[in-house]
C-alpha cells in the first residue's frame, strides 16, 4: 500500500513539475548552456546511481533536475526526485563541485526519505495541482518570484521559509553527506557550504534558535561537524565523480 501511495504521489508531483518547467522554459529561464548548468547536471547525474541504490520506498524514482536562471539562493525537490537548482545558489556563493554535491545530496535525501509525503501527503499535491499555472503565471519577475511561494509544503528553500522539521533537515544533511561521499566528493564540502551560507547571511539569533522549525546555519554547521567522521567512512576517492570532484 505504501508503495502504491508513493507511486501516486510521485506521478502527481511529476505532472506539476512538468507544468512548472514548461512555464519557466517559455520565459527563457531554463538554463542548459552555462558552465553552472553543465556542472550541476554533471554532478546530479554522477550522484543518481547512489541515490537509486539508497531508495527504500519500493518505487523507482525518475530523477530529473532543471537549472533555473535566478539570483535567488534556492534549490528544491519534489516527491519522486524532481529537482530544481537556481543559478544564484552556485554563482553567488561560488560553490565548488563538492558544495554543489552537498546541496544535491541533501535534496535527494528529502525525496528518498519521503519528507514531503510525511509532511502533508496527497492533499498537498491536490492543492498544488489547482494552483500551479495560476500562481506561476501571475509572477512578474520570473521563477524566483512566482515559484518561490509555489508548493511550499513540498518544496524546500535555502532562504528562510523552509517547511521541513529540524529532525528532517538533520536527516537530509546526514543522508546527503553519505551520498556525496559515495560519489567521490569529500563530505567536508557540506560543512564548507553552510559556512558560506552563514558568512553571507547569519540567522543565528534567539528567535530562530528557539522558534524556527529549522536549525540555524551555525547549528547546522555544528551538526555537520559531528556527522563528518561517520560520513567520511563512505568517502570513495575513486568514486564515479572523483575525476571532477573538488577536494577540500
Protein backbone atom coordinates (compact mmCIF):
# COMPACT_ATOMS: atom_id res chain seq x y z
CA UNK A 1 0.00 0.00 0.00
CA UNK A 2 2.86 2.37 0.87
CA UNK A 3 4.47 1.73 -2.49
CA UNK A 4 1.22 2.46 -4.29
CA UNK A 5 0.76 5.71 -2.36
CA UNK A 6 4.32 6.68 -3.13
CA UNK A 7 3.87 5.96 -6.83
CA UNK A 8 0.67 8.03 -6.99
CA UNK A 9 2.24 10.94 -5.17
CA UNK A 10 5.32 10.83 -7.38
CA UNK A 11 3.20 10.81 -10.53
CA UNK A 12 1.20 13.82 -9.38
CA UNK A 13 4.38 15.66 -8.43
CA UNK A 14 5.89 14.86 -11.83
CA UNK A 15 2.87 16.32 -13.61
CA UNK A 16 3.12 19.56 -11.64
CA UNK A 17 6.87 19.70 -12.17
CA UNK A 18 6.45 19.41 -15.95
CA UNK A 19 3.87 22.18 -15.87
CA UNK A 20 6.14 24.48 -13.89
CA UNK A 21 9.13 23.81 -16.10
CA UNK A 22 7.14 24.45 -19.28
CA UNK A 23 6.27 27.89 -17.91
CA UNK A 24 9.88 28.52 -16.92
CA UNK A 25 11.11 27.39 -20.34
CA UNK A 26 8.61 29.65 -22.04
CA UNK A 27 10.15 32.58 -20.17
CA UNK A 28 13.67 31.51 -21.20
CA UNK A 29 14.51 30.83 -17.56
CA UNK A 30 15.70 27.23 -18.00
CA UNK A 31 19.48 27.17 -18.20
CA UNK A 32 21.00 24.35 -20.22
CA UNK A 33 24.09 26.05 -21.65
CA UNK A 34 26.02 27.91 -18.95
CA UNK A 35 29.03 26.41 -17.20
CA UNK A 36 27.00 26.41 -13.98
CA UNK A 37 24.21 24.40 -15.62
CA UNK A 38 26.67 21.92 -17.10
CA UNK A 39 28.35 21.44 -13.72
CA UNK A 40 25.05 20.94 -11.89
CA UNK A 41 23.80 18.38 -14.42
CA UNK A 42 27.11 16.52 -14.41
CA UNK A 43 27.18 16.28 -10.62
CA UNK A 44 23.50 15.33 -10.43
CA UNK A 45 23.99 12.54 -12.98
CA UNK A 46 27.05 11.26 -11.12
CA UNK A 47 25.08 11.04 -7.89
CA UNK A 48 21.91 9.45 -9.31
CA UNK A 49 23.12 5.83 -9.14
CA UNK A 50 23.95 6.21 -5.44
CA UNK A 51 20.60 7.81 -4.73
CA UNK A 52 18.83 4.97 -6.53
CA UNK A 53 20.79 2.41 -4.51
CA UNK A 54 19.55 4.17 -1.37
CA UNK A 55 15.91 4.15 -2.47
CA UNK A 56 13.89 2.11 0.03
CA UNK A 57 10.46 3.47 -0.89
CA UNK A 58 9.58 0.45 -3.01
CA UNK A 59 9.08 2.68 -6.07
CA UNK A 60 11.86 3.59 -8.53
CA UNK A 61 12.31 7.34 -8.99
CA UNK A 62 12.56 9.09 -12.34
CA UNK A 63 15.25 11.52 -11.22
CA UNK A 64 15.37 14.85 -13.01
CA UNK A 65 16.92 18.26 -12.43
CA UNK A 66 16.30 21.65 -14.05
CA UNK A 67 18.66 24.58 -13.64
CA UNK A 68 16.75 27.86 -13.31
CA UNK A 69 18.21 31.27 -14.14
CA UNK A 70 17.68 33.27 -10.97
CA UNK A 71 19.75 35.26 -8.49
CA UNK A 72 17.86 33.55 -5.67
CA UNK A 73 19.83 31.18 -3.45
CA UNK A 74 17.48 28.28 -3.82
CA UNK A 75 17.11 24.60 -4.60
CA UNK A 76 14.17 22.28 -4.04
CA UNK A 77 12.94 18.82 -4.74
CA UNK A 78 9.50 17.25 -5.14
CA UNK A 79 8.40 13.70 -4.33
CA UNK A 80 9.86 11.21 -6.79
CA UNK A 81 13.11 13.08 -7.40
CA UNK A 82 12.06 16.12 -9.46
CA UNK A 83 14.54 18.85 -8.55
CA UNK A 84 15.30 22.48 -9.39
CA UNK A 85 18.61 24.24 -8.78
CA UNK A 86 18.83 28.02 -9.11
CA UNK A 87 21.96 29.52 -10.67
CA UNK A 88 22.24 32.07 -7.84
CA UNK A 89 22.97 29.23 -5.43
CA UNK A 90 26.17 28.29 -7.25
CA UNK A 91 27.18 31.68 -8.63
CA UNK A 92 26.65 33.94 -5.60
CA UNK A 93 28.29 31.51 -3.18
CA UNK A 94 30.93 30.48 -5.74
CA UNK A 95 30.27 26.83 -4.95
CA UNK A 96 32.81 24.13 -5.64
CA UNK A 97 31.68 20.89 -7.27
CA UNK A 98 31.67 19.28 -3.84
CA UNK A 99 29.49 22.02 -2.38
CA UNK A 100 27.03 21.64 -5.25
CA UNK A 101 27.04 17.90 -4.48
CA UNK A 102 26.19 18.71 -0.86
CA UNK A 103 23.11 20.68 -1.98
CA UNK A 104 22.03 17.94 -4.38
CA UNK A 105 22.63 15.15 -1.85
CA UNK A 106 20.61 16.99 0.78
CA UNK A 107 17.67 17.43 -1.58
CA UNK A 108 17.89 13.84 -2.83
CA UNK A 109 17.64 12.63 0.75
CA UNK A 110 14.49 14.68 1.35
CA UNK A 111 12.91 12.79 -1.57
CA UNK A 112 14.31 9.40 -0.57
CA UNK A 113 13.04 9.79 3.00
CA UNK A 114 9.67 10.97 1.62
CA UNK A 115 9.65 14.04 3.83
CA UNK A 116 7.15 15.75 1.54
CA UNK A 117 4.82 12.77 1.83
CA UNK A 118 5.17 12.65 5.58
CA UNK A 119 4.54 16.37 5.81
CA UNK A 120 1.17 16.51 4.13
CA UNK A 121 0.70 13.62 1.72
CA UNK A 122 -1.54 13.62 -1.29
CA UNK A 123 -3.58 16.63 -0.18
CA UNK A 124 -0.62 18.93 -0.77
CA UNK A 125 -0.26 17.97 -4.40
CA UNK A 126 -4.01 18.01 -4.96
CA UNK A 127 -3.99 21.63 -3.78
CA UNK A 128 -0.89 22.32 -5.80
CA UNK A 129 -2.48 20.96 -8.96
CA UNK A 130 -5.14 23.65 -8.91
CA UNK A 131 -2.69 26.46 -8.19
CA UNK A 132 0.36 25.75 -10.28
CA UNK A 133 -0.42 27.57 -13.51
CA UNK A 134 -2.21 30.48 -11.89
CA UNK A 135 0.49 31.27 -9.36
CA UNK A 136 3.30 30.84 -11.84
CA UNK A 137 1.68 32.99 -14.49
CA UNK A 138 0.98 35.78 -12.00
CA UNK A 139 4.67 36.19 -11.36
CA UNK A 140 6.13 39.26 -13.00
CA UNK A 141 9.74 38.69 -12.10
CA UNK A 142 10.15 35.13 -13.27
CA UNK A 143 10.56 31.90 -11.37
CA UNK A 144 12.20 33.41 -8.33
CA UNK A 145 9.09 35.47 -7.67
CA UNK A 146 6.30 33.09 -8.65
CA UNK A 147 7.81 29.75 -7.86
CA UNK A 148 9.33 30.72 -4.52
CA UNK A 149 5.85 30.52 -2.98
CA UNK A 150 4.67 27.60 -5.06
CA UNK A 151 4.01 24.34 -3.28
CA UNK A 152 5.75 25.38 -0.10
CA UNK A 153 4.57 22.22 1.61
CA UNK A 154 6.71 20.09 -0.68
CA UNK A 155 9.45 22.48 -1.81
CA UNK A 156 12.46 23.29 0.34
CA UNK A 157 14.14 26.70 0.22
CA UNK A 158 17.59 27.69 1.35
CA UNK A 159 16.32 31.08 2.46
CA UNK A 160 14.05 31.29 5.47
CA UNK A 161 10.72 29.76 4.58
CA UNK A 162 11.57 26.07 4.63
CA UNK A 163 8.87 23.73 5.81
CA UNK A 164 10.66 20.58 6.91
CA UNK A 165 11.22 19.94 10.60
CA UNK A 166 14.59 20.17 12.29
CA UNK A 167 14.78 16.40 12.54
CA UNK A 168 14.03 16.05 8.81
CA UNK A 169 16.65 18.65 7.96
CA UNK A 170 19.21 16.82 10.08
CA UNK A 171 18.25 13.56 8.41
CA UNK A 172 18.68 15.16 4.98
CA UNK A 173 22.08 16.53 5.99
CA UNK A 174 23.21 13.10 7.17
CA UNK A 175 21.96 11.25 4.10
CA UNK A 176 23.24 13.94 1.77
CA UNK A 177 26.74 13.69 3.21
CA UNK A 178 26.71 9.94 2.70
CA UNK A 179 25.54 10.21 -0.90
CA UNK A 180 28.14 12.80 -1.85
CA UNK A 181 30.87 10.78 -0.12
CA UNK A 182 29.92 7.62 -2.01
CA UNK A 183 30.06 9.54 -5.28
CA UNK A 184 33.57 10.79 -4.60
CA UNK A 185 33.00 14.20 -3.01
CA UNK A 186 34.53 14.73 0.41
CA UNK A 187 31.75 15.33 2.99
CA UNK A 188 33.76 18.23 4.45
CA UNK A 189 32.36 20.17 1.48
CA UNK A 190 28.92 20.10 3.14
CA UNK A 191 30.37 21.92 6.14
CA UNK A 192 32.05 24.41 3.81
CA UNK A 193 28.73 25.07 2.06
CA UNK A 194 26.96 26.12 5.23
CA UNK A 195 29.91 28.19 6.38
CA UNK A 196 29.46 30.16 3.16
CA UNK A 197 25.74 30.48 3.86
CA UNK A 198 26.47 31.75 7.38
CA UNK A 199 29.09 34.16 6.10
CA UNK A 200 26.65 35.58 3.56
CA UNK A 201 23.78 35.95 5.99
CA UNK A 202 23.83 34.83 9.60
CA UNK A 203 20.49 33.68 11.03
CA UNK A 204 21.82 32.62 14.43
CA UNK A 205 19.65 34.68 16.75
CA UNK A 206 17.43 33.94 19.73
CA UNK A 207 14.21 33.88 17.72
CA UNK A 208 15.49 31.35 15.20
CA UNK A 209 17.21 29.23 17.83
CA UNK A 210 14.03 28.91 19.89
CA UNK A 211 11.13 29.24 17.47
CA UNK A 212 12.28 28.29 13.99
CA UNK A 213 11.34 24.87 12.62
CA UNK A 214 14.81 24.76 11.07
CA UNK A 215 18.26 24.74 12.59
CA UNK A 216 20.20 27.97 12.23
CA UNK A 217 23.21 27.95 9.93
CA UNK A 218 25.53 27.72 12.93
CA UNK A 219 23.53 24.84 14.45
CA UNK A 220 23.64 23.07 11.10
CA UNK A 221 27.39 23.57 10.82
CA UNK A 222 27.90 22.14 14.32
CA UNK A 223 25.72 19.13 13.48
CA UNK A 224 27.50 18.52 10.18
CA UNK A 225 30.83 18.60 12.01
CA UNK A 226 29.53 15.88 14.33
CA UNK A 227 28.32 13.82 11.36
CA UNK A 228 31.58 14.23 9.45
CA UNK A 229 33.54 11.27 10.93
CA UNK A 230 30.74 8.81 10.11
CA UNK A 231 30.13 10.29 6.65
CA UNK A 232 33.84 10.12 5.84
CA UNK A 233 33.64 6.33 6.17
CA UNK A 234 31.53 6.37 2.99
CA UNK A 235 34.02 8.53 1.11
CA UNK A 236 35.30 6.91 -2.06
CA UNK A 237 38.17 8.92 -3.56
CA UNK A 238 37.80 6.81 -6.70
CA UNK A 239 34.02 7.17 -6.86
CA UNK A 240 32.15 7.90 -10.07
CA UNK A 241 32.62 11.65 -9.73
CA UNK A 242 36.14 11.65 -8.33
CA UNK A 243 37.70 12.73 -11.61
CA UNK A 244 35.84 16.05 -11.44
CA UNK A 245 35.28 16.39 -7.70
CA UNK A 246 36.86 19.40 -6.00
CA UNK A 247 38.53 18.27 -2.82
CA UNK A 248 38.58 20.39 0.38
